[in-house]
Amino acid sequence: QVQLVESGGGLVQAGGSLRLSCAASGRTFSTLVMGWFRRAPGKEREFVAAISRSGVGVHYADSVKGRFTISRDNAKNTVYLQMNSLKPEDTAVYYCAAGSIYYSSSYSYTGAEFDDWGQGTQVTVSS
């Protein structure tokens, strides 16, 4: 089992930036496919981004493409989500997830592809 701890959430004005971090432990980090999801109040969980084991493959939801960047540092066992040009509709609890299979950019992630999840970090974007 992988333990995941997110950090970096907070309150930011529209147009601002935040960087989320997710520290992983319990398995060799470089063997894990990592992802970010979010859940807004009253809405279903939504895929945000995923990154392959090496970091070469990345995959974004259309709603964040061009604004968010996922990256990883395998030496630090950490995955990041840099969020720029934030909008009020980005307000949600953001969750880090770990899995074993990386799918191509044409695939629609549902969350079922990931085995372990963090507790989440709140991101609030004010207008």
Foldseek 3Di string as FASTA:
>chain_A
DKAKAKDWADEEAAQAKIKMKIAIDDDQLLQKKKFKWWDDPPGDIAGAKIAHSVRPDIEGDPVQPPFWDWGDDSVRRMIMIIGGRDDQVVWTWMKMFIARDDDHRVDGDDPPRTDDIYPTDTHGYHD
